[in-house]
Amino acid sequence: MCMFCAAIPMSASVGIALAGKQNEKRREGTKDGRNAMSTRLPMNKATLVVTGGLLVCSVVYHVIIMPRTGIIM
């Protein structure tokens, strides 16, 4: 498995974990009566961009750079 193919599920799982932690902190803050986080980073969108970029890089690598390995390995 190439480095791009291995990084796709890892980036998705890390992004989902970070979004979950951010939501948990926001819920805890509002439950305790504190102000919610003033700046909320768009983790879901960032995860989508990173995973999509890795997917495009994987396709380019398998089709153009190393065509002998094929698209699916």
N, C-alpha and C. Protein backbone atom coordinates (compact mmCIF):
# COMPACT_ATOMS: atom_id res chain seq x y z
N MET A 1 0.85 -1.16 0.00
CA MET A 1 0.00 0.00 0.00
C MET A 1 0.91 1.24 0.00
N CYS A 2 0.57 2.20 -0.84
CA CYS A 2 1.41 3.39 -0.94
C CYS A 2 1.11 4.35 0.22
N MET A 3 1.97 5.34 0.36
CA MET A 3 1.83 6.27 1.48
C MET A 3 0.55 7.08 1.40
N PHE A 4 0.08 7.41 0.19
CA PHE A 4 -1.15 8.17 0.06
C PHE A 4 -2.36 7.32 0.44
N CYS A 5 -2.36 6.08 -0.02
CA CYS A 5 -3.49 5.18 0.29
C CYS A 5 -3.55 4.88 1.79
N ALA A 6 -2.41 4.80 2.44
CA ALA A 6 -2.39 4.55 3.88
C ALA A 6 -2.82 5.78 4.67
N ALA A 7 -2.56 6.97 4.14
CA ALA A 7 -2.86 8.20 4.88
C ALA A 7 -4.32 8.61 4.77
N ILE A 8 -5.06 8.11 3.78
CA ILE A 8 -6.46 8.52 3.61
C ILE A 8 -7.32 8.13 4.81
N PRO A 9 -7.36 6.86 5.23
CA PRO A 9 -8.19 6.54 6.40
C PRO A 9 -7.66 7.16 7.69
N MET A 10 -6.33 7.33 7.78
CA MET A 10 -5.77 7.94 8.98
C MET A 10 -6.21 9.40 9.10
N SER A 11 -6.17 10.14 8.00
CA SER A 11 -6.56 11.55 8.06
C SER A 11 -8.04 11.69 8.38
N ALA A 12 -8.85 10.79 7.87
CA ALA A 12 -10.29 10.84 8.17
C ALA A 12 -10.54 10.54 9.64
N SER A 13 -9.88 9.55 10.19
CA SER A 13 -10.12 9.21 11.60
C SER A 13 -9.58 10.29 12.55
N VAL A 14 -8.44 10.87 12.22
CA VAL A 14 -7.91 11.96 13.06
C VAL A 14 -8.83 13.18 13.00
N GLY A 15 -9.33 13.50 11.83
CA GLY A 15 -10.24 14.64 11.70
C GLY A 15 -11.54 14.44 12.46
N ILE A 16 -12.08 13.24 12.39
CA ILE A 16 -13.31 12.95 13.13
C ILE A 16 -13.07 13.02 14.63
N ALA A 17 -11.92 12.51 15.09
CA ALA A 17 -11.59 12.58 16.51
C ALA A 17 -11.42 14.02 16.98
N LEU A 18 -10.76 14.85 16.18
CA LEU A 18 -10.58 16.25 16.56
C LEU A 18 -11.91 17.00 16.59
N ALA A 19 -12.78 16.72 15.64
CA ALA A 19 -14.10 17.36 15.63
C ALA A 19 -14.91 16.93 16.85
N GLY A 20 -14.81 15.66 17.22
CA GLY A 20 -15.51 15.19 18.41
C GLY A 20 -15.00 15.83 19.69
N LYS A 21 -13.69 15.97 19.81
CA LYS A 21 -13.12 16.63 20.99
C LYS A 21 -13.54 18.09 21.06
N GLN A 22 -13.57 18.74 19.91
CA GLN A 22 -13.97 20.15 19.87
C GLN A 22 -15.43 20.30 20.29
N ASN A 23 -16.29 19.42 19.80
CA ASN A 23 -17.71 19.47 20.18
C ASN A 23 -17.89 19.16 21.66
N GLU A 24 -17.10 18.22 22.19
CA GLU A 24 -17.19 17.88 23.61
C GLU A 24 -16.78 19.06 24.49
N LYS A 25 -15.70 19.75 24.12
CA LYS A 25 -15.28 20.92 24.88
C LYS A 25 -16.33 22.03 24.83
N ARG A 26 -16.95 22.19 23.67
CA ARG A 26 -17.97 23.22 23.53
C ARG A 26 -19.19 22.90 24.40
N ARG A 27 -19.58 21.62 24.42
CA ARG A 27 -20.72 21.21 25.26
C ARG A 27 -20.41 21.37 26.74
N GLU A 28 -19.19 21.00 27.15
CA GLU A 28 -18.81 21.15 28.55
C GLU A 28 -18.78 22.61 28.96
N GLY A 29 -18.31 23.47 28.06
CA GLY A 29 -18.25 24.90 28.37
C GLY A 29 -19.62 25.51 28.54
N THR A 30 -20.56 25.13 27.72
CA THR A 30 -21.91 25.70 27.85
C THR A 30 -22.64 25.08 29.03
N LYS A 31 -22.31 23.85 29.39
CA LYS A 31 -22.97 23.21 30.53
C LYS A 31 -22.53 23.85 31.84
N ASP A 32 -21.27 24.23 31.94
CA ASP A 32 -20.74 24.84 33.16
C ASP A 32 -21.11 26.32 33.27
N GLY A 33 -21.73 26.88 32.27
CA GLY A 33 -22.11 28.28 32.30
C GLY A 33 -21.06 29.21 31.72
N ARG A 34 -19.97 28.67 31.27
CA ARG A 34 -18.94 29.50 30.65
C ARG A 34 -19.36 29.82 29.23
N ASN A 35 -18.71 30.81 28.67
CA ASN A 35 -18.98 31.14 27.27
C ASN A 35 -18.49 30.02 26.37
N ALA A 36 -19.20 29.81 25.29
CA ALA A 36 -18.77 28.84 24.30
C ALA A 36 -17.50 29.36 23.62
N MET A 37 -16.79 28.49 22.99
CA MET A 37 -15.56 28.90 22.32
C MET A 37 -15.88 30.00 21.32
N SER A 38 -15.08 31.05 21.36
CA SER A 38 -15.36 32.18 20.49
C SER A 38 -15.03 31.87 19.03
N THR A 39 -13.96 31.15 18.81
CA THR A 39 -13.61 30.77 17.43
C THR A 39 -13.64 29.26 17.35
N ARG A 40 -14.49 28.77 16.50
CA ARG A 40 -14.62 27.34 16.30
C ARG A 40 -14.02 26.99 14.95
N LEU A 41 -13.00 26.16 14.96
CA LEU A 41 -12.35 25.77 13.71
C LEU A 41 -13.23 24.77 12.96
N PRO A 42 -13.34 24.91 11.67
CA PRO A 42 -14.19 23.99 10.89
C PRO A 42 -13.46 22.67 10.63
N MET A 43 -13.43 21.80 11.64
CA MET A 43 -12.70 20.54 11.53
C MET A 43 -13.24 19.63 10.44
N ASN A 44 -14.55 19.60 10.29
CA ASN A 44 -15.13 18.71 9.27
C ASN A 44 -14.71 19.14 7.87
N LYS A 45 -14.70 20.44 7.62
CA LYS A 45 -14.29 20.94 6.31
C LYS A 45 -12.79 20.72 6.09
N ALA A 46 -12.01 20.93 7.13
CA ALA A 46 -10.57 20.71 7.01
C ALA A 46 -10.27 19.24 6.75
N THR A 47 -11.00 18.36 7.42
CA THR A 47 -10.82 16.92 7.19
C THR A 47 -11.18 16.56 5.77
N LEU A 48 -12.26 17.14 5.27
CA LEU A 48 -12.68 16.87 3.89
C LEU A 48 -11.62 17.33 2.89
N VAL A 49 -11.05 18.50 3.12
CA VAL A 49 -10.02 19.04 2.22
C VAL A 49 -8.76 18.17 2.25
N VAL A 50 -8.32 17.79 3.44
CA VAL A 50 -7.10 16.98 3.56
C VAL A 50 -7.31 15.60 2.94
N THR A 51 -8.44 14.96 3.25
CA THR A 51 -8.71 13.64 2.71
C THR A 51 -8.90 13.69 1.20
N GLY A 52 -9.59 14.70 0.71
CA GLY A 52 -9.76 14.86 -0.74
C GLY A 52 -8.44 15.10 -1.44
N GLY A 53 -7.58 15.90 -0.83
CA GLY A 53 -6.25 16.14 -1.41
C GLY A 53 -5.42 14.87 -1.47
N LEU A 54 -5.50 14.08 -0.41
CA LEU A 54 -4.78 12.80 -0.43
C LEU A 54 -5.35 11.85 -1.48
N LEU A 55 -6.64 11.89 -1.67
CA LEU A 55 -7.27 11.04 -2.68
C LEU A 55 -6.80 11.43 -4.08
N VAL A 56 -6.76 12.73 -4.34
CA VAL A 56 -6.28 13.21 -5.65
C VAL A 56 -4.81 12.84 -5.84
N CYS A 57 -4.00 13.01 -4.81
CA CYS A 57 -2.59 12.65 -4.90
C CYS A 57 -2.42 11.15 -5.15
N SER A 58 -3.26 10.35 -4.53
CA SER A 58 -3.20 8.91 -4.72
C SER A 58 -3.53 8.53 -6.16
N VAL A 59 -4.56 9.14 -6.72
CA VAL A 59 -4.93 8.86 -8.11
C VAL A 59 -3.81 9.29 -9.05
N VAL A 60 -3.26 10.47 -8.83
CA VAL A 60 -2.16 10.94 -9.68
C VAL A 60 -0.96 10.00 -9.57
N TYR A 61 -0.66 9.58 -8.37
CA TYR A 61 0.49 8.69 -8.17
C TYR A 61 0.29 7.36 -8.88
N HIS A 62 -0.89 6.77 -8.71
CA HIS A 62 -1.12 5.44 -9.28
C HIS A 62 -1.34 5.46 -10.79
N VAL A 63 -1.90 6.52 -11.32
CA VAL A 63 -2.20 6.56 -12.75
C VAL A 63 -1.06 7.14 -13.57
N ILE A 64 -0.45 8.22 -13.09
CA ILE A 64 0.55 8.93 -13.89
C ILE A 64 1.98 8.54 -13.50
N ILE A 65 2.28 8.55 -12.23
CA ILE A 65 3.67 8.35 -11.82
C ILE A 65 4.05 6.87 -11.85
N MET A 66 3.22 6.02 -11.30
CA MET A 66 3.51 4.59 -11.24
C MET A 66 2.38 3.79 -11.88
N PRO A 67 2.23 3.86 -13.19
CA PRO A 67 1.09 3.19 -13.82
C PRO A 67 1.17 1.66 -13.77
N ARG A 68 2.33 1.13 -13.50
CA ARG A 68 2.46 -0.34 -13.44
C ARG A 68 1.73 -0.92 -12.24
N THR A 69 1.60 -0.14 -11.17
CA THR A 69 0.94 -0.67 -9.96
C THR A 69 -0.57 -0.69 -10.13
N GLY A 70 -1.11 0.10 -11.01
CA GLY A 70 -2.57 0.12 -11.23
C GLY A 70 -3.27 1.05 -10.27
N ILE A 71 -4.55 1.26 -10.50
CA ILE A 71 -5.32 2.15 -9.65
C ILE A 71 -5.64 1.50 -8.32
N ILE A 72 -6.02 0.23 -8.36
CA ILE A 72 -6.34 -0.48 -7.12
C ILE A 72 -5.30 -1.56 -6.93
N MET A 73 -4.71 -1.56 -5.74
CA MET A 73 -3.67 -2.54 -5.48
C MET A 73 -4.01 -3.34 -4.26
